[in-house]
Amino acid sequence: ESNCSSRHAGLALNAGPAVRTLSLNGVAGATSYVPGPTYNVQYTVSEAGRNRYGFQLVARTATNQTAGNLIASEPNRAMLVSAQRLTHTGNGNSGTGTITWNFQWTAPAAGTGVVRFYVSTNATNANGSTSGDNTYTNTFTLQEAPPVVNRQVTFRVNMTSVSVASTGILIVTGK
């Protein structure tokens, strides 16, 4: 798919100094997801000297299918366009040196496997032309977390003829 470089010309693609971070539920650089729940997602771009930003983001499976469900939880700053593509709005592109877009993502069902967030971003100088604008592409990869296995454990302790302190007993188990 195309990126923003056709309308924003500056340094070569990905050559600028911007720092881009995707966080899930406040965890920057998350590497896995649990199938099913809805996550609060933050996408942050920082580049000194920039005051207008834009982005487009999709979540895809290893077979390039839509992965989960993107939700524009701040519709005045980000909106859904086409099939599960999230982008900035005209009101959601200003920031002095940094910008964060907040949205939600409902993770896909168990068995989906790897999910990749593909993001194209621009950091502009807002001079009314395409000169001096930097464009970036990123792929953020999340592995599907293994299922949690709950096991019932029963402890039987023979406390015959043992004095127990008023604070009770402590049982320590290994992994």
N, C-alpha and C. Protein backbone atom coordinates (compact mmCIF):
# COMPACT_ATOMS: atom_id res chain seq x y z
N GLU A 1 0.83 -1.18 0.00
CA GLU A 1 0.00 0.00 0.00
C GLU A 1 0.87 1.24 0.00
N SER A 2 0.31 2.34 -0.41
CA SER A 2 1.09 3.56 -0.51
C SER A 2 1.31 4.18 0.88
N ASN A 3 2.31 5.05 0.94
CA ASN A 3 2.55 5.81 2.17
C ASN A 3 2.32 7.28 1.86
N CYS A 4 2.65 8.13 2.76
CA CYS A 4 2.34 9.57 2.64
C CYS A 4 3.39 10.35 1.85
N SER A 5 4.44 9.70 1.36
CA SER A 5 5.56 10.43 0.76
C SER A 5 5.21 11.11 -0.56
N SER A 6 4.14 10.71 -1.24
CA SER A 6 3.80 11.36 -2.50
C SER A 6 3.32 12.80 -2.29
N ARG A 7 2.79 13.09 -1.10
CA ARG A 7 2.31 14.45 -0.80
C ARG A 7 3.18 15.18 0.21
N HIS A 8 4.14 14.49 0.79
CA HIS A 8 5.01 15.10 1.81
C HIS A 8 6.45 14.75 1.48
N ALA A 9 7.16 15.72 0.89
CA ALA A 9 8.53 15.48 0.43
C ALA A 9 9.51 16.16 1.36
N GLY A 10 10.44 15.42 1.81
CA GLY A 10 11.50 15.95 2.67
C GLY A 10 12.67 15.00 2.54
N LEU A 11 13.12 14.48 3.66
CA LEU A 11 14.17 13.47 3.63
C LEU A 11 13.62 12.19 3.01
N ALA A 12 14.50 11.30 2.66
CA ALA A 12 14.08 10.00 2.12
C ALA A 12 13.21 9.28 3.15
N LEU A 13 12.35 8.41 2.68
CA LEU A 13 11.46 7.64 3.55
C LEU A 13 12.24 7.04 4.73
N ASN A 14 11.76 7.27 5.93
CA ASN A 14 12.34 6.76 7.19
C ASN A 14 13.71 7.33 7.54
N ALA A 15 14.15 8.39 6.84
CA ALA A 15 15.48 8.95 7.11
C ALA A 15 15.46 10.02 8.20
N GLY A 16 14.29 10.50 8.57
CA GLY A 16 14.21 11.55 9.58
C GLY A 16 14.43 11.03 10.99
N PRO A 17 14.47 11.94 11.96
CA PRO A 17 14.79 11.57 13.34
C PRO A 17 13.58 11.25 14.22
N ALA A 18 12.38 11.19 13.67
CA ALA A 18 11.19 11.00 14.52
C ALA A 18 11.25 9.68 15.28
N VAL A 19 10.72 9.72 16.49
CA VAL A 19 10.55 8.52 17.31
C VAL A 19 9.07 8.18 17.28
N ARG A 20 8.75 6.93 16.93
CA ARG A 20 7.37 6.47 16.85
C ARG A 20 7.18 5.31 17.80
N THR A 21 6.11 5.38 18.61
CA THR A 21 5.87 4.36 19.64
C THR A 21 4.41 3.94 19.61
N LEU A 22 4.18 2.64 19.66
CA LEU A 22 2.84 2.09 19.80
C LEU A 22 2.75 1.45 21.18
N SER A 23 1.74 1.86 21.95
CA SER A 23 1.56 1.33 23.31
C SER A 23 0.20 0.66 23.41
N LEU A 24 0.15 -0.48 24.09
CA LEU A 24 -1.10 -1.17 24.38
C LEU A 24 -1.33 -1.11 25.88
N ASN A 25 -2.46 -0.55 26.28
CA ASN A 25 -2.79 -0.39 27.70
C ASN A 25 -1.63 0.22 28.48
N GLY A 26 -0.98 1.21 27.88
CA GLY A 26 0.10 1.93 28.55
C GLY A 26 1.46 1.28 28.48
N VAL A 27 1.58 0.13 27.81
CA VAL A 27 2.86 -0.56 27.70
C VAL A 27 3.47 -0.26 26.33
N ALA A 28 4.50 0.59 26.33
CA ALA A 28 5.20 0.92 25.08
C ALA A 28 6.03 -0.28 24.66
N GLY A 29 6.00 -0.58 23.38
CA GLY A 29 6.79 -1.70 22.88
C GLY A 29 6.23 -3.06 23.24
N ALA A 30 4.93 -3.14 23.48
CA ALA A 30 4.30 -4.44 23.80
C ALA A 30 4.62 -5.43 22.67
N THR A 31 4.80 -6.69 23.03
CA THR A 31 5.16 -7.70 22.04
C THR A 31 4.12 -8.80 21.90
N SER A 32 3.08 -8.76 22.72
CA SER A 32 2.06 -9.81 22.62
C SER A 32 0.69 -9.26 22.98
N TYR A 33 -0.33 -10.03 22.61
CA TYR A 33 -1.72 -9.68 22.91
C TYR A 33 -2.44 -10.94 23.37
N VAL A 34 -3.47 -10.75 24.16
CA VAL A 34 -4.35 -11.83 24.58
C VAL A 34 -5.57 -11.76 23.65
N PRO A 35 -5.96 -12.85 23.02
CA PRO A 35 -7.11 -12.82 22.12
C PRO A 35 -8.39 -12.38 22.83
N GLY A 36 -9.16 -11.50 22.16
CA GLY A 36 -10.49 -11.14 22.64
C GLY A 36 -10.71 -9.81 23.30
N PRO A 37 -9.89 -9.37 24.26
CA PRO A 37 -10.22 -8.11 24.94
C PRO A 37 -9.97 -6.89 24.07
N THR A 38 -10.54 -5.77 24.52
CA THR A 38 -10.33 -4.48 23.85
C THR A 38 -9.21 -3.75 24.57
N TYR A 39 -8.22 -3.32 23.80
CA TYR A 39 -7.06 -2.62 24.33
C TYR A 39 -7.18 -1.12 24.06
N ASN A 40 -6.67 -0.31 24.98
CA ASN A 40 -6.47 1.11 24.74
C ASN A 40 -5.11 1.24 24.08
N VAL A 41 -5.08 1.86 22.91
CA VAL A 41 -3.85 1.97 22.13
C VAL A 41 -3.48 3.44 22.00
N GLN A 42 -2.19 3.70 22.11
CA GLN A 42 -1.67 5.05 21.90
C GLN A 42 -0.57 4.95 20.85
N TYR A 43 -0.66 5.82 19.85
CA TYR A 43 0.40 5.93 18.86
C TYR A 43 0.99 7.33 18.99
N THR A 44 2.27 7.40 19.32
CA THR A 44 2.94 8.67 19.59
C THR A 44 4.06 8.89 18.58
N VAL A 45 4.15 10.11 18.07
CA VAL A 45 5.21 10.52 17.16
C VAL A 45 5.86 11.77 17.74
N SER A 46 7.18 11.76 17.82
CA SER A 46 7.92 12.91 18.32
C SER A 46 9.02 13.27 17.32
N GLU A 47 9.02 14.54 16.91
CA GLU A 47 10.10 15.05 16.06
C GLU A 47 10.21 16.55 16.31
N ALA A 48 11.36 16.97 16.79
CA ALA A 48 11.59 18.38 17.10
C ALA A 48 11.36 19.24 15.87
N GLY A 49 10.79 20.42 16.09
CA GLY A 49 10.59 21.37 15.01
C GLY A 49 9.37 21.09 14.14
N ARG A 50 8.57 20.10 14.49
CA ARG A 50 7.37 19.77 13.71
C ARG A 50 6.14 20.17 14.49
N ASN A 51 5.09 20.59 13.77
CA ASN A 51 3.88 20.97 14.48
C ASN A 51 2.60 20.47 13.81
N ARG A 52 2.73 19.71 12.74
CA ARG A 52 1.58 19.04 12.11
C ARG A 52 2.01 17.61 11.81
N TYR A 53 1.08 16.70 12.06
CA TYR A 53 1.37 15.28 11.90
C TYR A 53 0.18 14.59 11.24
N GLY A 54 0.44 13.47 10.66
CA GLY A 54 -0.62 12.64 10.11
C GLY A 54 -0.23 11.18 10.20
N PHE A 55 -1.23 10.31 10.13
CA PHE A 55 -0.93 8.88 10.14
C PHE A 55 -2.08 8.10 9.51
N GLN A 56 -1.75 6.89 9.07
CA GLN A 56 -2.73 5.87 8.71
C GLN A 56 -2.22 4.57 9.29
N LEU A 57 -3.16 3.76 9.82
CA LEU A 57 -2.79 2.53 10.53
C LEU A 57 -3.79 1.44 10.18
N VAL A 58 -3.26 0.22 9.99
CA VAL A 58 -4.10 -0.96 9.83
C VAL A 58 -3.51 -2.07 10.70
N ALA A 59 -4.36 -3.02 11.09
CA ALA A 59 -3.92 -4.21 11.82
C ALA A 59 -4.22 -5.41 10.94
N ARG A 60 -3.19 -6.24 10.67
CA ARG A 60 -3.32 -7.35 9.74
C ARG A 60 -2.74 -8.64 10.33
N THR A 61 -3.31 -9.76 9.87
CA THR A 61 -2.79 -11.08 10.23
C THR A 61 -1.62 -11.41 9.32
N ALA A 62 -1.00 -12.56 9.56
CA ALA A 62 0.11 -13.00 8.72
C ALA A 62 -0.33 -13.23 7.27
N THR A 63 -1.64 -13.49 7.05
CA THR A 63 -2.16 -13.68 5.70
C THR A 63 -2.81 -12.41 5.15
N ASN A 64 -2.49 -11.26 5.76
CA ASN A 64 -2.95 -9.94 5.33
C ASN A 64 -4.46 -9.73 5.45
N GLN A 65 -5.08 -10.42 6.37
CA GLN A 65 -6.49 -10.21 6.66
C GLN A 65 -6.61 -9.20 7.80
N THR A 66 -7.75 -8.52 7.89
CA THR A 66 -7.99 -7.61 8.99
C THR A 66 -7.86 -8.38 10.31
N ALA A 67 -7.14 -7.81 11.26
CA ALA A 67 -6.91 -8.46 12.55
C ALA A 67 -7.62 -7.68 13.64
N GLY A 68 -8.69 -8.24 14.15
CA GLY A 68 -9.42 -7.57 15.21
C GLY A 68 -10.25 -6.42 14.69
N ASN A 69 -10.53 -5.48 15.58
CA ASN A 69 -11.42 -4.37 15.25
C ASN A 69 -10.86 -3.07 15.80
N LEU A 70 -10.57 -2.12 14.91
CA LEU A 70 -10.11 -0.79 15.33
C LEU A 70 -11.31 0.07 15.69
N ILE A 71 -11.18 0.86 16.74
CA ILE A 71 -12.27 1.71 17.22
C ILE A 71 -11.72 3.13 17.39
N ALA A 72 -12.35 4.08 16.71
CA ALA A 72 -11.95 5.49 16.83
C ALA A 72 -12.58 6.05 18.09
N SER A 73 -11.90 5.89 19.22
CA SER A 73 -12.45 6.30 20.51
C SER A 73 -12.37 7.80 20.75
N GLU A 74 -11.58 8.51 19.94
CA GLU A 74 -11.53 9.98 19.96
C GLU A 74 -11.84 10.47 18.55
N PRO A 75 -13.11 10.42 18.14
CA PRO A 75 -13.46 10.69 16.74
C PRO A 75 -13.13 12.10 16.25
N ASN A 76 -12.88 13.04 17.15
CA ASN A 76 -12.46 14.37 16.71
C ASN A 76 -10.98 14.40 16.35
N ARG A 77 -10.23 13.33 16.68
CA ARG A 77 -8.78 13.28 16.40
C ARG A 77 -8.39 12.17 15.43
N ALA A 78 -9.15 11.08 15.42
CA ALA A 78 -8.85 9.96 14.52
C ALA A 78 -10.17 9.33 14.08
N MET A 79 -10.18 8.84 12.84
CA MET A 79 -11.41 8.27 12.30
C MET A 79 -11.10 7.03 11.49
N LEU A 80 -12.11 6.19 11.36
CA LEU A 80 -11.99 5.00 10.52
C LEU A 80 -12.36 5.38 9.10
N VAL A 81 -11.57 4.89 8.16
CA VAL A 81 -11.87 5.04 6.73
C VAL A 81 -11.70 3.68 6.07
N SER A 82 -12.42 3.42 5.05
CA SER A 82 -12.41 2.14 4.32
C SER A 82 -12.51 0.97 5.28
N ALA A 83 -11.90 -0.13 4.92
CA ALA A 83 -12.02 -1.36 5.71
C ALA A 83 -10.98 -1.39 6.83
N GLN A 84 -11.38 -0.94 7.99
CA GLN A 84 -10.53 -1.00 9.18
C GLN A 84 -9.20 -0.27 9.02
N ARG A 85 -9.25 0.91 8.47
CA ARG A 85 -8.06 1.77 8.36
C ARG A 85 -8.35 2.99 9.22
N LEU A 86 -7.41 3.29 10.11
CA LEU A 86 -7.56 4.43 11.01
C LEU A 86 -6.64 5.55 10.52
N THR A 87 -7.13 6.78 10.55
CA THR A 87 -6.33 7.93 10.13
C THR A 87 -6.65 9.13 11.00
N HIS A 88 -5.80 10.15 10.91
CA HIS A 88 -6.02 11.39 11.67
C HIS A 88 -7.15 12.19 11.04
N THR A 89 -7.72 13.08 11.81
CA THR A 89 -8.71 14.02 11.30
C THR A 89 -8.03 15.37 11.10
N GLY A 90 -8.74 16.31 10.48
CA GLY A 90 -8.20 17.66 10.32
C GLY A 90 -7.97 18.35 11.64
N ASN A 91 -8.75 18.00 12.66
CA ASN A 91 -8.57 18.57 13.99
C ASN A 91 -7.56 17.80 14.82
N GLY A 92 -7.18 16.63 14.37
CA GLY A 92 -6.30 15.78 15.17
C GLY A 92 -4.91 15.66 14.62
N ASN A 93 -4.36 16.77 14.09
CA ASN A 93 -3.03 16.68 13.50
C ASN A 93 -2.03 17.70 14.05
N SER A 94 -2.40 18.45 15.07
CA SER A 94 -1.51 19.49 15.61
C SER A 94 -0.81 19.03 16.88
N GLY A 95 0.45 19.37 16.96
CA GLY A 95 1.24 19.08 18.16
C GLY A 95 2.57 19.81 18.04
N THR A 96 3.13 20.23 19.13
CA THR A 96 4.40 20.93 19.10
C THR A 96 5.51 19.96 19.48
N GLY A 97 6.14 19.39 18.48
CA GLY A 97 7.23 18.45 18.71
C GLY A 97 6.78 17.04 18.99
N THR A 98 5.53 16.85 19.33
CA THR A 98 5.02 15.49 19.59
C THR A 98 3.51 15.47 19.46
N ILE A 99 2.99 14.30 19.17
CA ILE A 99 1.54 14.10 19.10
C ILE A 99 1.23 12.66 19.49
N THR A 100 0.08 12.47 20.13
CA THR A 100 -0.38 11.12 20.46
C THR A 100 -1.82 10.97 20.01
N TRP A 101 -2.08 9.88 19.33
CA TRP A 101 -3.45 9.52 18.96
C TRP A 101 -3.87 8.35 19.83
N ASN A 102 -5.04 8.44 20.41
CA ASN A 102 -5.59 7.38 21.26
C ASN A 102 -6.74 6.73 20.52
N PHE A 103 -6.77 5.41 20.54
CA PHE A 103 -7.87 4.66 19.94
C PHE A 103 -7.94 3.32 20.63
N GLN A 104 -8.86 2.49 20.21
CA GLN A 104 -8.98 1.16 20.81
C GLN A 104 -8.86 0.10 19.73
N TRP A 105 -8.48 -1.08 20.18
CA TRP A 105 -8.36 -2.23 19.29
C TRP A 105 -8.88 -3.45 20.03
N THR A 106 -9.88 -4.10 19.44
CA THR A 106 -10.35 -5.37 19.99
C THR A 106 -9.55 -6.47 19.32
N ALA A 107 -8.81 -7.22 20.13
CA ALA A 107 -7.94 -8.27 19.60
C ALA A 107 -8.78 -9.37 18.95
N PRO A 108 -8.23 -10.03 17.95
CA PRO A 108 -8.97 -11.09 17.27
C PRO A 108 -9.09 -12.34 18.14
N ALA A 109 -9.83 -13.30 17.63
CA ALA A 109 -10.09 -14.55 18.35
C ALA A 109 -8.82 -15.39 18.48
N ALA A 110 -8.85 -16.29 19.44
CA ALA A 110 -7.73 -17.22 19.65
C ALA A 110 -7.47 -17.99 18.35
N GLY A 111 -6.19 -18.25 18.09
CA GLY A 111 -5.81 -18.98 16.90
C GLY A 111 -5.45 -18.09 15.73
N THR A 112 -5.59 -16.78 15.89
CA THR A 112 -5.27 -15.85 14.80
C THR A 112 -3.77 -15.79 14.57
N GLY A 113 -2.99 -15.88 15.63
CA GLY A 113 -1.53 -15.82 15.50
C GLY A 113 -1.01 -14.40 15.49
N VAL A 114 0.08 -14.19 14.78
CA VAL A 114 0.77 -12.90 14.74
C VAL A 114 -0.14 -11.82 14.16
N VAL A 115 -0.10 -10.65 14.79
CA VAL A 115 -0.80 -9.46 14.28
C VAL A 115 0.26 -8.38 14.08
N ARG A 116 0.16 -7.72 12.93
CA ARG A 116 1.08 -6.62 12.63
C ARG A 116 0.28 -5.34 12.44
N PHE A 117 0.72 -4.28 13.12
CA PHE A 117 0.17 -2.94 12.91
C PHE A 117 1.10 -2.26 11.91
N TYR A 118 0.58 -1.92 10.76
CA TYR A 118 1.33 -1.18 9.74
C TYR A 118 0.92 0.28 9.84
N VAL A 119 1.91 1.17 9.97
CA VAL A 119 1.63 2.58 10.16
C VAL A 119 2.47 3.42 9.20
N SER A 120 1.82 4.36 8.55
CA SER A 120 2.52 5.37 7.77
C SER A 120 2.26 6.71 8.46
N THR A 121 3.33 7.48 8.66
CA THR A 121 3.24 8.72 9.43
C THR A 121 3.96 9.84 8.69
N ASN A 122 3.45 11.05 8.84
CA ASN A 122 4.23 12.19 8.38
C ASN A 122 4.36 13.18 9.53
N ALA A 123 5.51 13.84 9.54
CA ALA A 123 5.79 14.91 10.51
C ALA A 123 6.15 16.11 9.67
N THR A 124 5.31 17.16 9.74
CA THR A 124 5.48 18.27 8.81
C THR A 124 5.83 19.57 9.52
N ASN A 125 6.32 20.50 8.71
CA ASN A 125 6.64 21.83 9.22
C ASN A 125 5.50 22.82 8.96
N ALA A 126 4.42 22.35 8.35
CA ALA A 126 3.21 23.15 8.11
C ALA A 126 3.51 24.44 7.36
N ASN A 127 4.40 24.38 6.36
CA ASN A 127 4.74 25.58 5.60
C ASN A 127 3.85 25.77 4.37
N GLY A 128 2.84 24.93 4.21
CA GLY A 128 1.92 25.07 3.10
C GLY A 128 2.38 24.41 1.82
N SER A 129 3.55 23.77 1.83
CA SER A 129 4.03 23.03 0.67
C SER A 129 4.50 21.66 1.15
N THR A 130 4.91 20.84 0.21
CA THR A 130 5.35 19.49 0.58
C THR A 130 6.81 19.47 1.03
N SER A 131 7.54 20.57 0.87
CA SER A 131 8.96 20.57 1.22
C SER A 131 9.16 20.53 2.72
N GLY A 132 10.16 19.80 3.14
CA GLY A 132 10.52 19.75 4.55
C GLY A 132 9.67 18.82 5.39
N ASP A 133 8.79 18.04 4.76
CA ASP A 133 7.95 17.09 5.49
C ASP A 133 8.62 15.72 5.47
N ASN A 134 8.63 15.04 6.58
CA ASN A 134 9.26 13.72 6.68
C ASN A 134 8.19 12.64 6.80
N THR A 135 8.42 11.54 6.10
CA THR A 135 7.47 10.42 6.09
C THR A 135 8.16 9.17 6.63
N TYR A 136 7.37 8.40 7.38
CA TYR A 136 7.89 7.21 8.05
C TYR A 136 6.91 6.05 7.86
N THR A 137 7.45 4.86 7.82
CA THR A 137 6.62 3.66 7.87
C THR A 137 7.16 2.77 8.99
N ASN A 138 6.25 2.12 9.68
CA ASN A 138 6.62 1.21 10.76
C ASN A 138 5.74 -0.02 10.72
N THR A 139 6.29 -1.10 11.23
CA THR A 139 5.53 -2.32 11.46
C THR A 139 5.75 -2.70 12.92
N PHE A 140 4.66 -2.79 13.67
CA PHE A 140 4.71 -3.20 15.07
C PHE A 140 4.10 -4.61 15.13
N THR A 141 4.87 -5.59 15.58
CA THR A 141 4.45 -6.98 15.56
C THR A 141 4.08 -7.47 16.96
N LEU A 142 2.91 -8.10 17.05
CA LEU A 142 2.44 -8.68 18.31
C LEU A 142 2.21 -10.18 18.13
N GLN A 143 2.79 -10.95 19.02
CA GLN A 143 2.57 -12.40 19.03
C GLN A 143 1.31 -12.69 19.84
N GLU A 144 0.58 -13.71 19.45
CA GLU A 144 -0.57 -14.14 20.24
C GLU A 144 -0.06 -14.81 21.52
N ALA A 145 -0.56 -14.37 22.65
CA ALA A 145 -0.14 -14.96 23.93
C ALA A 145 -0.72 -16.37 24.04
N PRO A 146 0.04 -17.30 24.63
CA PRO A 146 -0.50 -18.65 24.81
C PRO A 146 -1.68 -18.62 25.77
N PRO A 147 -2.58 -19.57 25.61
CA PRO A 147 -3.74 -19.59 26.51
C PRO A 147 -3.30 -19.81 27.96
N VAL A 148 -4.05 -19.21 28.86
CA VAL A 148 -3.79 -19.39 30.29
C VAL A 148 -4.45 -20.70 30.71
N VAL A 149 -3.67 -21.53 31.36
CA VAL A 149 -4.19 -22.80 31.83
C VAL A 149 -4.42 -22.69 33.34
N ASN A 150 -5.66 -22.82 33.74
CA ASN A 150 -5.98 -22.78 35.16
C ASN A 150 -6.00 -24.21 35.69
N ARG A 151 -5.31 -24.41 36.77
CA ARG A 151 -5.27 -25.73 37.40
C ARG A 151 -5.69 -25.60 38.85
N GLN A 152 -6.50 -26.53 39.27
CA GLN A 152 -6.88 -26.55 40.67
C GLN A 152 -5.84 -27.35 41.43
N VAL A 153 -5.37 -26.78 42.53
CA VAL A 153 -4.36 -27.42 43.35
C VAL A 153 -4.91 -27.54 44.76
N THR A 154 -4.77 -28.72 45.31
CA THR A 154 -5.20 -28.96 46.69
C THR A 154 -3.98 -29.27 47.54
N PHE A 155 -3.83 -28.53 48.63
CA PHE A 155 -2.75 -28.77 49.58
C PHE A 155 -3.34 -29.48 50.79
N ARG A 156 -2.66 -30.50 51.22
CA ARG A 156 -3.03 -31.16 52.48
C ARG A 156 -1.81 -31.12 53.38
N VAL A 157 -2.00 -30.48 54.51
CA VAL A 157 -0.89 -30.32 55.45
C VAL A 157 -1.32 -30.92 56.78
N ASN A 158 -0.51 -31.82 57.27
CA ASN A 158 -0.78 -32.42 58.57
C ASN A 158 -0.17 -31.52 59.63
N MET A 159 -1.04 -30.84 60.39
CA MET A 159 -0.59 -29.90 61.41
C MET A 159 -0.72 -30.50 62.81
N THR A 160 -0.86 -31.81 62.88
CA THR A 160 -0.98 -32.47 64.18
C THR A 160 0.26 -32.19 65.02
N SER A 161 0.01 -31.78 66.21
CA SER A 161 1.04 -31.46 67.21
C SER A 161 2.04 -30.39 66.74
N VAL A 162 1.53 -29.41 65.97
CA VAL A 162 2.36 -28.28 65.55
C VAL A 162 1.69 -27.01 66.05
N SER A 163 2.48 -26.15 66.66
CA SER A 163 1.95 -24.87 67.10
C SER A 163 1.96 -23.90 65.92
N VAL A 164 0.84 -23.23 65.73
CA VAL A 164 0.72 -22.29 64.62
C VAL A 164 0.73 -20.88 65.21
N ALA A 165 1.55 -20.03 64.65
CA ALA A 165 1.64 -18.64 65.11
C ALA A 165 0.33 -17.92 64.81
N SER A 166 0.08 -16.83 65.49
CA SER A 166 -1.16 -16.07 65.28
C SER A 166 -1.27 -15.51 63.87
N THR A 167 -0.12 -15.40 63.16
CA THR A 167 -0.15 -14.90 61.79
C THR A 167 -0.44 -16.00 60.78
N GLY A 168 -0.61 -17.21 61.20
CA GLY A 168 -0.94 -18.32 60.30
C GLY A 168 0.29 -19.02 59.78
N ILE A 169 0.12 -19.69 58.68
CA ILE A 169 1.23 -20.42 58.07
C ILE A 169 1.52 -19.85 56.69
N LEU A 170 2.68 -20.07 56.17
CA LEU A 170 3.09 -19.62 54.85
C LEU A 170 3.48 -20.82 54.02
N ILE A 171 2.85 -20.98 52.88
CA ILE A 171 3.19 -22.06 51.96
C ILE A 171 3.83 -21.45 50.74
N VAL A 172 5.04 -21.88 50.40
CA VAL A 172 5.76 -21.37 49.25
C VAL A 172 5.88 -22.50 48.24
N THR A 173 5.52 -22.18 46.99
CA THR A 173 5.64 -23.19 45.93
C THR A 173 6.60 -22.70 44.88
N GLY A 174 7.21 -23.62 44.18
CA GLY A 174 8.09 -23.27 43.05
C GLY A 174 7.27 -23.22 41.78
N LYS A 175 7.91 -22.80 40.73
CA LYS A 175 7.22 -22.74 39.42
C LYS A 175 7.19 -24.10 38.79
